PDB file of N, CA and C in Angstrom:
ATOM      1  N   MET A   1     -11.989  48.508   7.549  1.00  0.00           N
ATOM      2  CA  MET A   1     -11.134  47.550   8.227  1.00  0.00           C
ATOM      3  C   MET A   1     -10.732  48.114   9.582  1.00  0.00           C
ATOM      4  N   SER A   2     -10.607  47.220  10.482  1.00  0.00           N
ATOM      5  CA  SER A   2     -10.198  47.667  11.812  1.00  0.00           C
ATOM      6  C   SER A   2      -8.691  47.850  11.869  1.00  0.00           C
ATOM      7  N   THR A   3      -8.226  48.526  12.878  1.00  0.00           N
ATOM      8  CA  THR A   3      -6.800  48.804  13.040  1.00  0.00           C
ATOM      9  C   THR A   3      -6.005  47.522  13.223  1.00  0.00           C
ATOM     10  N   GLY A   4      -6.564  46.543  13.912  1.00  0.00           N
ATOM     11  CA  GLY A   4      -5.875  45.271  14.135  1.00  0.00           C
ATOM     12  C   GLY A   4      -5.626  44.516  12.835  1.00  0.00           C
ATOM     13  N   VAL A   5      -6.593  44.525  11.939  1.00  0.00           N
ATOM     14  CA  VAL A   5      -6.454  43.838  10.647  1.00  0.00           C
ATOM     15  C   VAL A   5      -5.398  44.553   9.796  1.00  0.00           C
ATOM     16  N   GLN A   6      -5.403  45.867   9.809  1.00  0.00           N
ATOM     17  CA  GLN A   6      -4.419  46.625   9.038  1.00  0.00           C
ATOM     18  C   GLN A   6      -3.011  46.362   9.553  1.00  0.00           C
ATOM     19  N   GLU A   7      -2.839  46.320  10.850  1.00  0.00           N
ATOM     20  CA  GLU A   7      -1.520  46.025  11.415  1.00  0.00           C
ATOM     21  C   GLU A   7      -1.064  44.616  11.052  1.00  0.00           C
ATOM     22  N   PHE A   8      -2.005  43.674  11.040  1.00  0.00           N
ATOM     23  CA  PHE A   8      -1.683  42.292  10.675  1.00  0.00           C
ATOM     24  C   PHE A   8      -1.226  42.205   9.218  1.00  0.00           C
ATOM     25  N   ILE A   9      -1.926  42.902   8.327  1.00  0.00           N
ATOM     26  CA  ILE A   9      -1.553  42.895   6.904  1.00  0.00           C
ATOM     27  C   ILE A   9      -0.187  43.531   6.708  1.00  0.00           C
ATOM     28  N   VAL A  10       0.063  44.645   7.367  1.00  0.00           N
ATOM     29  CA  VAL A  10       1.363  45.316   7.269  1.00  0.00           C
ATOM     30  C   VAL A  10       2.463  44.415   7.815  1.00  0.00           C
ATOM     31  N   SER A  11       2.201  43.717   8.904  1.00  0.00           N
ATOM     32  CA  SER A  11       3.215  42.834   9.472  1.00  0.00           C
ATOM     33  C   SER A  11       3.486  41.635   8.561  1.00  0.00           C
ATOM     34  N   LEU A  12       2.555  41.233   7.730  1.00  0.00           N
ATOM     35  CA  LEU A  12       2.776  40.158   6.759  1.00  0.00           C
ATOM     36  C   LEU A  12       3.498  40.663   5.512  1.00  0.00           C
ATOM     37  N   LEU A  13       3.239  41.907   5.127  1.00  0.00           N
ATOM     38  CA  LEU A  13       3.853  42.459   3.927  1.00  0.00           C
ATOM     39  C   LEU A  13       5.345  42.687   4.094  1.00  0.00           C
ATOM     40  N   PHE A  14       5.791  43.049   5.276  1.00  0.00           N
ATOM     41  CA  PHE A  14       7.212  43.317   5.483  1.00  0.00           C
ATOM     42  C   PHE A  14       8.082  42.091   5.205  1.00  0.00           C
ATOM     43  N   PRO A  15       7.798  40.916   5.760  1.00  0.00           N
ATOM     44  CA  PRO A  15       8.631  39.739   5.435  1.00  0.00           C
ATOM     45  C   PRO A  15       8.577  39.360   3.949  1.00  0.00           C
ATOM     46  N   VAL A  16       7.407  39.486   3.337  1.00  0.00           N
ATOM     47  CA  VAL A  16       7.283  39.170   1.911  1.00  0.00           C
ATOM     48  C   VAL A  16       8.134  40.136   1.093  1.00  0.00           C
ATOM     49  N   PHE A  17       8.057  41.413   1.399  1.00  0.00           N
ATOM     50  CA  PHE A  17       8.869  42.417   0.711  1.00  0.00           C
ATOM     51  C   PHE A  17      10.353  42.126   0.900  1.00  0.00           C
ATOM     52  N   PHE A  18      10.753  41.766   2.116  1.00  0.00           N
ATOM     53  CA  PHE A  18      12.142  41.446   2.423  1.00  0.00           C
ATOM     54  C   PHE A  18      12.616  40.239   1.601  1.00  0.00           C
ATOM     55  N   LEU A  19      11.808  39.191   1.507  1.00  0.00           N
ATOM     56  CA  LEU A  19      12.173  38.001   0.729  1.00  0.00           C
ATOM     57  C   LEU A  19      12.304  38.314  -0.766  1.00  0.00           C
ATOM     58  N   VAL A  20      11.427  39.148  -1.287  1.00  0.00           N
ATOM     59  CA  VAL A  20      11.508  39.533  -2.699  1.00  0.00           C
ATOM     60  C   VAL A  20      12.801  40.305  -2.968  1.00  0.00           C
ATOM     61  N   ILE A  21      13.144  41.230  -2.105  1.00  0.00           N
ATOM     62  CA  ILE A  21      14.376  42.002  -2.264  1.00  0.00           C
ATOM     63  C   ILE A  21      15.591  41.082  -2.180  1.00  0.00           C
ATOM     64  N   MET A  22      15.609  40.161  -1.225  1.00  0.00           N
ATOM     65  CA  MET A  22      16.731  39.213  -1.095  1.00  0.00           C
ATOM     66  C   MET A  22      16.867  38.361  -2.361  1.00  0.00           C
ATOM     67  N   TYR A  23      15.751  37.930  -2.919  1.00  0.00           N
ATOM     68  CA  TYR A  23      15.775  37.134  -4.144  1.00  0.00           C
ATOM     69  C   TYR A  23      16.394  37.936  -5.286  1.00  0.00           C
ATOM     70  N   LEU A  24      15.964  39.182  -5.427  1.00  0.00           N
ATOM     71  CA  LEU A  24      16.454  40.014  -6.527  1.00  0.00           C
ATOM     72  C   LEU A  24      17.923  40.388  -6.367  1.00  0.00           C
ATOM     73  N   ILE A  25      18.385  40.571  -5.147  1.00  0.00           N
ATOM     74  CA  ILE A  25      19.753  41.026  -4.913  1.00  0.00           C
ATOM     75  C   ILE A  25      20.750  39.878  -4.853  1.00  0.00           C
ATOM     76  N   ILE A  26      20.367  38.753  -4.264  1.00  0.00           N
ATOM     77  CA  ILE A  26      21.328  37.682  -4.024  1.00  0.00           C
ATOM     78  C   ILE A  26      21.113  36.469  -4.930  1.00  0.00           C
ATOM     79  N   ILE A  27      19.942  35.915  -4.935  1.00  0.00           N
ATOM     80  CA  ILE A  27      19.713  34.627  -5.600  1.00  0.00           C
ATOM     81  C   ILE A  27      19.701  34.754  -7.116  1.00  0.00           C
ATOM     82  N   LEU A  28      19.021  35.714  -7.663  1.00  0.00           N
ATOM     83  CA  LEU A  28      18.917  35.854  -9.122  1.00  0.00           C
ATOM     84  C   LEU A  28      20.273  36.075  -9.796  1.00  0.00           C
ATOM     85  N   PRO A  29      21.135  36.983  -9.314  1.00  0.00           N
ATOM     86  CA  PRO A  29      22.454  37.129  -9.936  1.00  0.00           C
ATOM     87  C   PRO A  29      23.305  35.859  -9.817  1.00  0.00           C
ATOM     88  N   HIS A  30      23.181  35.151  -8.702  1.00  0.00           N
ATOM     89  CA  HIS A  30      23.937  33.900  -8.531  1.00  0.00           C
ATOM     90  C   HIS A  30      23.491  32.853  -9.551  1.00  0.00           C
ATOM     91  N   LYS A  31      22.189  32.756  -9.789  1.00  0.00           N
ATOM     92  CA  LYS A  31      21.682  31.804 -10.784  1.00  0.00           C
ATOM     93  C   LYS A  31      22.190  32.159 -12.179  1.00  0.00           C
ATOM     94  N   ARG A  32      22.205  33.433 -12.512  1.00  0.00           N
ATOM     95  CA  ARG A  32      22.701  33.863 -13.831  1.00  0.00           C
ATOM     96  C   ARG A  32      24.175  33.520 -13.991  1.00  0.00           C
ATOM     97  N   LYS A  33      24.960  33.750 -12.939  1.00  0.00           N
ATOM     98  CA  LYS A  33      26.391  33.455 -12.990  1.00  0.00           C
ATOM     99  C   LYS A  33      26.633  31.955 -13.154  1.00  0.00           C
ATOM    100  N   GLU A  34      25.897  31.141 -12.427  1.00  0.00           N
ATOM    101  CA  GLU A  34      26.038  29.685 -12.535  1.00  0.00           C
ATOM    102  C   GLU A  34      25.631  29.189 -13.922  1.00  0.00           C
ATOM    103  N   LYS A  35      24.609  29.779 -14.503  1.00  0.00           N
ATOM    104  CA  LYS A  35      24.168  29.393 -15.845  1.00  0.00           C
ATOM    105  C   LYS A  35      25.250  29.724 -16.875  1.00  0.00           C
ATOM    106  N   ALA A  36      25.859  30.900 -16.760  1.00  0.00           N
ATOM    107  CA  ALA A  36      26.932  31.287 -17.678  1.00  0.00           C
ATOM    108  C   ALA A  36      28.147  30.381 -17.507  1.00  0.00           C
ATOM    109  N   ARG A  37      28.467  30.012 -16.270  1.00  0.00           N
ATOM    110  CA  ARG A  37      29.605  29.122 -16.003  1.00  0.00           C
ATOM    111  C   ARG A  37      29.365  27.742 -16.603  1.00  0.00           C
ATOM    112  N   LYS A  38      28.148  27.221 -16.441  1.00  0.00           N
ATOM    113  CA  LYS A  38      27.803  25.909 -17.006  1.00  0.00           C
ATOM    114  C   LYS A  38      27.885  25.946 -18.520  1.00  0.00           C
ATOM    115  N   GLN A  39      27.408  27.013 -19.127  1.00  0.00           N
ATOM    116  CA  GLN A  39      27.464  27.156 -20.580  1.00  0.00           C
ATOM    117  C   GLN A  39      28.916  27.202 -21.059  1.00  0.00           C
ATOM    118  N   MET A  40      29.776  27.917 -20.321  1.00  0.00           N
ATOM    119  CA  MET A  40      31.196  27.993 -20.673  1.00  0.00           C
ATOM    120  C   MET A  40      31.831  26.611 -20.586  1.00  0.00           C
ATOM    121  N   GLN A  41      31.534  25.872 -19.526  1.00  0.00           N
ATOM    122  CA  GLN A  41      32.120  24.548 -19.353  1.00  0.00           C
ATOM    123  C   GLN A  41      31.613  23.556 -20.403  1.00  0.00           C
ATOM    124  N   ASP A  42      30.371  23.700 -20.826  1.00  0.00           N
ATOM    125  CA  ASP A  42      29.822  22.809 -21.847  1.00  0.00           C
ATOM    126  C   ASP A  42      30.343  23.125 -23.248  1.00  0.00           C
ATOM    127  N   SER A  43      30.882  24.321 -23.458  1.00  0.00           N
ATOM    128  CA  SER A  43      31.345  24.713 -24.789  1.00  0.00           C
ATOM    129  C   SER A  43      32.833  24.444 -25.016  1.00  0.00           C
ATOM    130  N   ILE A  44      33.491  23.778 -24.090  1.00  0.00           N
ATOM    131  CA  ILE A  44      34.923  23.491 -24.221  1.00  0.00           C
ATOM    132  C   ILE A  44      35.152  22.522 -25.375  1.00  0.00           C
ATOM    133  N   LYS A  45      36.166  22.812 -26.186  1.00  0.00           N
ATOM    134  CA  LYS A  45      36.520  21.972 -27.338  1.00  0.00           C
ATOM    135  C   LYS A  45      37.996  21.612 -27.259  1.00  0.00           C
ATOM    136  N   VAL A  46      38.364  20.564 -27.968  1.00  0.00           N
ATOM    137  CA  VAL A  46      39.772  20.176 -28.060  1.00  0.00           C
ATOM    138  C   VAL A  46      40.545  21.326 -28.690  1.00  0.00           C
ATOM    139  N   GLY A  47      41.672  21.669 -28.096  1.00  0.00           N
ATOM    140  CA  GLY A  47      42.506  22.770 -28.587  1.00  0.00           C
ATOM    141  C   GLY A  47      42.362  24.042 -27.776  1.00  0.00           C
ATOM    142  N   ASP A  48      41.312  24.147 -26.961  1.00  0.00           N
ATOM    143  CA  ASP A  48      41.117  25.335 -26.125  1.00  0.00           C
ATOM    144  C   ASP A  48      42.141  25.359 -25.002  1.00  0.00           C
ATOM    145  N   GLU A  49      42.547  26.557 -24.617  1.00  0.00           N
ATOM    146  CA  GLU A  49      43.416  26.749 -23.459  1.00  0.00           C
ATOM    147  C   GLU A  49      42.498  26.977 -22.258  1.00  0.00           C
ATOM    148  N   ILE A  50      42.741  26.258 -21.162  1.00  0.00           N
ATOM    149  CA  ILE A  50      41.886  26.379 -19.990  1.00  0.00           C
ATOM    150  C   ILE A  50      42.716  26.658 -18.740  1.00  0.00           C
ATOM    151  N   MET A  51      42.037  27.145 -17.708  1.00  0.00           N
ATOM    152  CA  MET A  51      42.644  27.272 -16.393  1.00  0.00           C
ATOM    153  C   MET A  51      41.675  26.638 -15.399  1.00  0.00           C
ATOM    154  N   THR A  52      42.192  25.779 -14.529  1.00  0.00           N
ATOM    155  CA  THR A  52      41.350  25.124 -13.539  1.00  0.00           C
ATOM    156  C   THR A  52      41.158  26.032 -12.328  1.00  0.00           C
ATOM    157  N   ILE A  53      40.251  25.640 -11.453  1.00  0.00           N
ATOM    158  CA  ILE A  53      40.026  26.423 -10.240  1.00  0.00           C
ATOM    159  C   ILE A  53      41.234  26.362  -9.317  1.00  0.00           C
ATOM    160  N   GLY A  54      42.130  25.404  -9.546  1.00  0.00           N
ATOM    161  CA  GLY A  54      43.360  25.305  -8.770  1.00  0.00           C
ATOM    162  C   GLY A  54      44.510  26.085  -9.371  1.00  0.00           C
ATOM    163  N   GLY A  55      44.293  26.701 -10.530  1.00  0.00           N
ATOM    164  CA  GLY A  55      45.319  27.526 -11.162  1.00  0.00           C
ATOM    165  C   GLY A  55      46.167  26.800 -12.190  1.00  0.00           C
ATOM    166  N   ILE A  56      45.867  25.549 -12.501  1.00  0.00           N
ATOM    167  CA  ILE A  56      46.625  24.812 -13.513  1.00  0.00           C
ATOM    168  C   ILE A  56      46.141  25.239 -14.888  1.00  0.00           C
ATOM    169  N   MET A  57      47.101  25.589 -15.747  1.00  0.00           N
ATOM    170  CA  MET A  57      46.771  26.010 -17.105  1.00  0.00           C
ATOM    171  C   MET A  57      47.241  24.948 -18.080  1.00  0.00           C
ATOM    172  N   GLY A  58      46.459  24.738 -19.137  1.00  0.00           N
ATOM    173  CA  GLY A  58      46.856  23.753 -20.121  1.00  0.00           C
ATOM    174  C   GLY A  58      45.968  23.784 -21.344  1.00  0.00           C
ATOM    175  N   LYS A  59      46.308  22.942 -22.300  1.00  0.00           N
ATOM    176  CA  LYS A  59      45.588  22.840 -23.566  1.00  0.00           C
ATOM    177  C   LYS A  59      44.778  21.550 -23.556  1.00  0.00           C
ATOM    178  N   VAL A  60      43.502  21.645 -23.930  1.00  0.00           N
ATOM    179  CA  VAL A  60      42.618  20.485 -23.952  1.00  0.00           C
ATOM    180  C   VAL A  60      43.035  19.568 -25.106  1.00  0.00           C
ATOM    181  N   ILE A  61      43.292  18.289 -24.784  1.00  0.00           N
ATOM    182  CA  ILE A  61      43.672  17.339 -25.829  1.00  0.00           C
ATOM    183  C   ILE A  61      42.655  16.206 -25.983  1.00  0.00           C
ATOM    184  N   ASN A  62      41.767  16.029 -24.974  1.00  0.00           N
ATOM    185  CA  ASN A  62      40.767  14.976 -25.069  1.00  0.00           C
ATOM    186  C   ASN A  62      39.599  15.311 -24.151  1.00  0.00           C
ATOM    187  N   ILE A  63      38.379  15.029 -24.617  1.00  0.00           N
ATOM    188  CA  ILE A  63      37.180  15.235 -23.822  1.00  0.00           C
ATOM    189  C   ILE A  63      36.381  13.941 -23.838  1.00  0.00           C
ATOM    190  N   LYS A  64      36.078  13.438 -22.644  1.00  0.00           N
ATOM    191  CA  LYS A  64      35.279  12.222 -22.517  1.00  0.00           C
ATOM    192  C   LYS A  64      34.276  12.438 -21.395  1.00  0.00           C
ATOM    193  N   ASP A  65      33.018  12.618 -21.746  1.00  0.00           N
ATOM    194  CA  ASP A  65      31.944  12.892 -20.789  1.00  0.00           C
ATOM    195  C   ASP A  65      32.307  14.087 -19.911  1.00  0.00           C
ATOM    196  N   ASN A  66      32.459  13.877 -18.615  1.00  0.00           N
ATOM    197  CA  ASN A  66      32.791  14.972 -17.698  1.00  0.00           C
ATOM    198  C   ASN A  66      34.273  15.020 -17.368  1.00  0.00           C
ATOM    199  N   GLU A  67      35.071  14.228 -18.040  1.00  0.00           N
ATOM    200  CA  GLU A  67      36.514  14.173 -17.786  1.00  0.00           C
ATOM    201  C   GLU A  67      37.261  14.784 -18.972  1.00  0.00           C
ATOM    202  N   ILE A  68      38.123  15.733 -18.661  1.00  0.00           N
ATOM    203  CA  ILE A  68      38.882  16.429 -19.706  1.00  0.00           C
ATOM    204  C   ILE A  68      40.358  16.213 -19.449  1.00  0.00           C
ATOM    205  N   THR A  69      41.092  15.841 -20.502  1.00  0.00           N
ATOM    206  CA  THR A  69      42.535  15.664 -20.390  1.00  0.00           C
ATOM    207  C   THR A  69      43.203  16.901 -20.960  1.00  0.00           C
ATOM    208  N   ILE A  70      44.114  17.477 -20.159  1.00  0.00           N
ATOM    209  CA  ILE A  70      44.846  18.655 -20.621  1.00  0.00           C
ATOM    210  C   ILE A  70      46.334  18.335 -20.660  1.00  0.00           C
ATOM    211  N   GLU A  71      47.022  19.110 -21.488  1.00  0.00           N
ATOM    212  CA  GLU A  71      48.473  18.999 -21.629  1.00  0.00           C
ATOM    213  C   GLU A  71      49.051  20.298 -21.094  1.00  0.00           C
ATOM    214  N   THR A  72      50.000  20.187 -20.178  1.00  0.00           N
ATOM    215  CA  THR A  72      50.520  21.387 -19.548  1.00  0.00           C
ATOM    216  C   THR A  72      52.038  21.304 -19.399  1.00  0.00           C
ATOM    217  N   GLY A  73      52.676  22.438 -19.383  1.00  0.00           N
ATOM    218  CA  GLY A  73      54.116  22.512 -19.150  1.00  0.00           C
ATOM    219  C   GLY A  73      54.955  22.174 -20.367  1.00  0.00           C
ATOM    220  N   VAL A  74      56.250  22.374 -20.204  1.00  0.00           N
ATOM    221  CA  VAL A  74      57.216  22.118 -21.276  1.00  0.00           C
ATOM    222  C   VAL A  74      57.297  20.626 -21.580  1.00  0.00           C
ATOM    223  N   ASP A  75      57.141  19.796 -20.537  1.00  0.00           N
ATOM    224  CA  ASP A  75      57.215  18.345 -20.712  1.00  0.00           C
ATOM    225  C   ASP A  75      55.927  17.763 -21.285  1.00  0.00           C
ATOM    226  N   LYS A  76      54.949  18.606 -21.533  1.00  0.00           N
ATOM    227  CA  LYS A  76      53.643  18.200 -22.043  1.00  0.00           C
ATOM    228  C   LYS A  76      53.021  17.118 -21.159  1.00  0.00           C
ATOM    229  N   THR A  77      53.016  17.385 -19.871  1.00  0.00           N
ATOM    230  CA  THR A  77      52.422  16.485 -18.895  1.00  0.00           C
ATOM    231  C   THR A  77      50.911  16.449 -19.109  1.00  0.00           C
ATOM    232  N   LYS A  78      50.355  15.251 -19.079  1.00  0.00           N
ATOM    233  CA  LYS A  78      48.907  15.098 -19.267  1.00  0.00           C
ATOM    234  C   LYS A  78      48.246  14.981 -17.900  1.00  0.00           C
ATOM    235  N   ILE A  79      47.170  15.770 -17.706  1.00  0.00           N
ATOM    236  CA  ILE A  79      46.424  15.788 -16.452  1.00  0.00           C
ATOM    237  C   ILE A  79      44.949  15.637 -16.790  1.00  0.00           C
ATOM    238  N   LYS A  80      44.264  14.777 -16.036  1.00  0.00           N
ATOM    239  CA  LYS A  80      42.817  14.632 -16.204  1.00  0.00           C
ATOM    240  C   LYS A  80      42.125  15.456 -15.123  1.00  0.00           C
ATOM    241  N   VAL A  81      41.147  16.248 -15.541  1.00  0.00           N
ATOM    242  CA  VAL A  81      40.357  17.057 -14.611  1.00  0.00           C
ATOM    243  C   VAL A  81      38.885  16.883 -14.948  1.00  0.00           C
ATOM    244  N   PHE A  82      38.050  17.130 -13.954  1.00  0.00           N
ATOM    245  CA  PHE A  82      36.618  17.104 -14.209  1.00  0.00           C
ATOM    246  C   PHE A  82      36.183  18.429 -14.820  1.00  0.00           C
ATOM    247  N   ARG A  83      35.144  18.374 -15.613  1.00  0.00           N
ATOM    248  CA  ARG A  83      34.631  19.560 -16.307  1.00  0.00           C
ATOM    249  C   ARG A  83      34.281  20.678 -15.321  1.00  0.00           C
ATOM    250  N   TYR A  84      33.726  20.344 -14.164  1.00  0.00           N
ATOM    251  CA  TYR A  84      33.316  21.369 -13.197  1.00  0.00           C
ATOM    252  C   TYR A  84      34.505  22.064 -12.539  1.00  0.00           C
ATOM    253  N   ALA A  85      35.727  21.532 -12.714  1.00  0.00           N
ATOM    254  CA  ALA A  85      36.917  22.141 -12.113  1.00  0.00           C
ATOM    255  C   ALA A  85      37.537  23.207 -13.023  1.00  0.00           C
ATOM    256  N   ILE A  86      36.923  23.480 -14.163  1.00  0.00           N
ATOM    257  CA  ILE A  86      37.469  24.462 -15.102  1.00  0.00           C
ATOM    258  C   ILE A  86      36.897  25.831 -14.779  1.00  0.00           C
ATOM    259  N   ASP A  87      37.815  26.798 -14.622  1.00  0.00           N
ATOM    260  CA  ASP A  87      37.436  28.142 -14.216  1.00  0.00           C
ATOM    261  C   ASP A  87      37.287  29.091 -15.396  1.00  0.00           C
ATOM    262  N   SER A  88      38.183  28.982 -16.379  1.00  0.00           N
ATOM    263  CA  SER A  88      38.103  29.875 -17.533  1.00  0.00           C
ATOM    264  C   SER A  88      38.627  29.176 -18.782  1.00  0.00           C
ATOM    265  N   VAL A  89      38.179  29.666 -19.926  1.00  0.00           N
ATOM    266  CA  VAL A  89      38.533  29.077 -21.215  1.00  0.00           C
ATOM    267  C   VAL A  89      38.964  30.169 -22.181  1.00  0.00           C
ATOM    268  N   THR A  90      40.070  29.898 -22.892  1.00  0.00           N
ATOM    269  CA  THR A  90      40.481  30.755 -23.996  1.00  0.00           C
ATOM    270  C   THR A  90      40.337  29.905 -25.257  1.00  0.00           C
ATOM    271  N   PRO A  91      39.400  30.240 -26.122  1.00  0.00           N
ATOM    272  CA  PRO A  91      39.167  29.401 -27.302  1.00  0.00           C
ATOM    273  C   PRO A  91      40.418  29.296 -28.180  1.00  0.00           C
ATOM    274  N   SER A  92      40.539  28.163 -28.890  1.00  0.00           N
ATOM    275  CA  SER A  92      41.670  27.962 -29.789  1.00  0.00           C
ATOM    276  C   SER A  92      41.546  28.922 -30.960  1.00  0.00           C
ATOM    277  N   GLU A  93      42.709  29.318 -31.506  1.00  0.00           N
ATOM    278  CA  GLU A  93      42.718  30.305 -32.590  1.00  0.00           C
ATOM    279  C   GLU A  93      42.523  29.684 -33.959  1.00  0.00           C
ATOM    280  N   ASN A  94      42.738  28.388 -34.089  1.00  0.00           N
ATOM    281  CA  ASN A  94      42.622  27.732 -35.401  1.00  0.00           C
ATOM    282  C   ASN A  94      41.255  27.067 -35.526  1.00  0.00           C
ATOM    283  N   LYS A  95      40.226  27.913 -35.706  1.00  0.00           N
ATOM    284  CA  LYS A  95      38.843  27.396 -35.848  1.00  0.00           C
ATOM    285  C   LYS A  95      38.476  27.299 -37.294  1.00  0.00           C
TER     286      LYS A  95
END
């Protein structure tokens, strides 16, 4: 192979190597995190304690499609939130 062809191949390998490293470092962990978050949100049951991304904490009292009704506070105020707005779940103890 001539020197020009070798330089061309090396110049093509660098961007490919860079893209593979970026995929492994940034995109793959993000996909895993999103998959775990989706699984957590899909496993919510009535009676679970949840916290929304806005910091509201409450107990799940009703689930209808992507809308979840929670009860929060001493007055047992009912709030409807979307499933994607739930940040964390503490499963109910009476299973």
